[in-house]
Amino acid sequence: MSGSNWIKFNRGWWSPYLLCILTAASATPESPNLRRPDLTGTVRDEDGKPVAAASVFIYTAGPKEGVGILCPSCYADCRKRTRTDGDGHFKIESLDPALQFRLLVVARGHRPEFVGKVDPAKRPVEVTLAPGKTDVSPDLQVKGRVVDSERKPVSGAVISIREVKRGESTQYGGNEDIDRVAVSDDEGLFVVNGENRFDAVGVEIEARALAKGIFHELATGGKIHELQLTEGAAVHGRVIKNGKPLGGVEIGICGADRTAEEYVGDFSVGTDKEGRFSLGNLPPNRDYFVYAKMSSLAGKDSLPARRVKLKRDASSEDLGDLAVSPGFTLTGQIQLTDGNSVPPKTRLLLSRDEAWDSAQTEADERGRFTFRGVPPESFGLSARIKGYRLSARNRSLDTMNPFHLVGVIKADKTDLILEFEPEKNPSPRLGNYVEMRQEPLLGAELVKNRVGDIQVTGTVSDAESGKPIKRFTITEGRAGNFPQPTQWFPARQTEGANGKLDLFLNRHGSAPVILVEAEGYLPQASGAITGAETNLAFALKKGVGPSGVILKPNGEPAAGATVYLADMQNGVYVQDKSMKVQDHMYQGL
């Protein structure tokens, strides 16, 4: 689409959706010498018998090469559909040869089926439909009717299960005993069937040329729920580099609300030769992040995520010119503490915190890796090596995930060390992810003068003999304020030797504390550490620590309770799924 394809309307006539329709026919290259292929195929059931009168829709499309400049359902071919004949055969004629397609196949008495990345120029498509549920009680059904803003029925809408409610319990992502997908018929009607009792479902509904809708707690029992979809909001803009339009950039848009209940997903569209992009049918009255996919900028430039508020239905947000700039480079090396070599083809994933985007790379034989074109944002960096996990010496270790670092990249970094240690039995982890993701991304490399770091040195000895303890462990924590207990991070546990204590502590939130433990000795915790501490002395007493039985208020044993040892003076804290944290429960000790 060139600049001449852009049409100006009076304000009252402007519509980004009309723009999609007008440009759809010219969105891909056409040539009188380029044959427009027919899409053919056969639909059968699981027994191999043909399925007659099945509806076959071209649901979405996209270019075989490069990025599409239209939304996936905005291509002219997406309006085409057909039905199978008595032998289950179908044909959709004269399709764009530059596109590949996603099909939706629907037949009465069968479960709907999507077929992706279909190239009509290749062999015929073979589709197998699973049988649908029949003779289902209304108590095991959710019924609905999808309508548009004028309350007209919407056919071919896809209803996907997001959550299943049974009593007070809600399971997200659907359930194997409930239909995961349903499709509305010509009257907009659909049915979701289950095998076992359930009370309600939450669904998301997608239909061509309409915004995705999210609906919660649709109850069973035979009531037909009317669910309305609208055209949604739109966003458009232009990507430039050094003041000039930049085509072929994939623009991503994702919901800012990442909760399981409200996340609307991610969408993408490409820029045309004039650098312009437009994406409509977005759920309105929500915040989004708009960004350029790292993979589409050839590992050189970057475009950080930008938060955008899309307002009322049928509104359009003009972002103006979005200028790319050179991206940063992140280079590092994986090291194993036991001296072994890094396994071949070890992959690393760099995930953006706000944008729904990531980049992958593979470490070489020496464990070295590089990411290029990194925007100035918060990231997560992860890798998995069988039998290993990231050591606590990695400064940006996510305490909720032993394979993940979190932090900000705002400049080139060429000395990152990812230190992995042999994996022991994983310990429970209590996280401070929110604070850590605002700090620079760091590994186990030597870092000088890092703001907020606290260096702790000292000794660990036997209280009776005064001799250094040869082997001990140090666990980092955060000081609690009574009645809240001290918070320990078992994932941040390091080993010490020969009575010498020397470590750096990250400072996030409340003051750090450390717990020193050694086999055959009672553990000892420090007080709150507020500055450079160079004279900490831990004299451990021999013993095995407290033991006993934890009882609930009704006298029953508290099976599965977790006991936290804050220190020898403050006693223990008990937590059970059925109880709140108790700061004074010592029965049976």
Foldseek 3Di string as FASTA:
>chain_A
DDPVLDDDDPPVPDFVLVSLQSCQVVQDDDDPVDFQFKAKAFEEEPVRAGAFFKKKFQQFKFFPDFFGQHFRCSHPRRVDMDTAHNRRMDMDDGHDQRMFTKMWIGDPQWAIDIDGRHHRVDDHDYHYTYGDDPPADLQFKFKAFEAEPVRAGAFFKKKAFQWFAAPPDIDGPDDPQKRGIWTAHNRRMTMIGGDDGTFFTWIWIDDRQWAIDTGDGRGGDPDYHYHYTYNFEKEKEFEDEPRAGDWRWKKKKWFQDPDSRDTRGMTIRTAHPRRMHMYTNHHAQGKMWIFTAQVRVVLFKTFDTDIDHGHDGSYYHYPYYGYIDTAAKEKEFEAEPVRDWADFFWKKWKQFDRTRYIDMDGAHRRRIDMGGNHHFGKIKMFTDDPQKFFALLFQQQFLQDRGIGIATDDHHDHYAYGYIYGDDPDDHFDGPRVQSNHHHGHTNDDDPPDPQKAKAKEFEEAQPPRFGDAKKKKWKWFCDDPPDFIGTRVRNMDMDGRGIDIDIDHDGDHFMKMWIGDPQWDIAIDDGDDHHHHYDYHHTYGDDDDDFFFADPVGHTQPPWDWDDRGPVQGIWIDHPVDDIDSDGDPGD
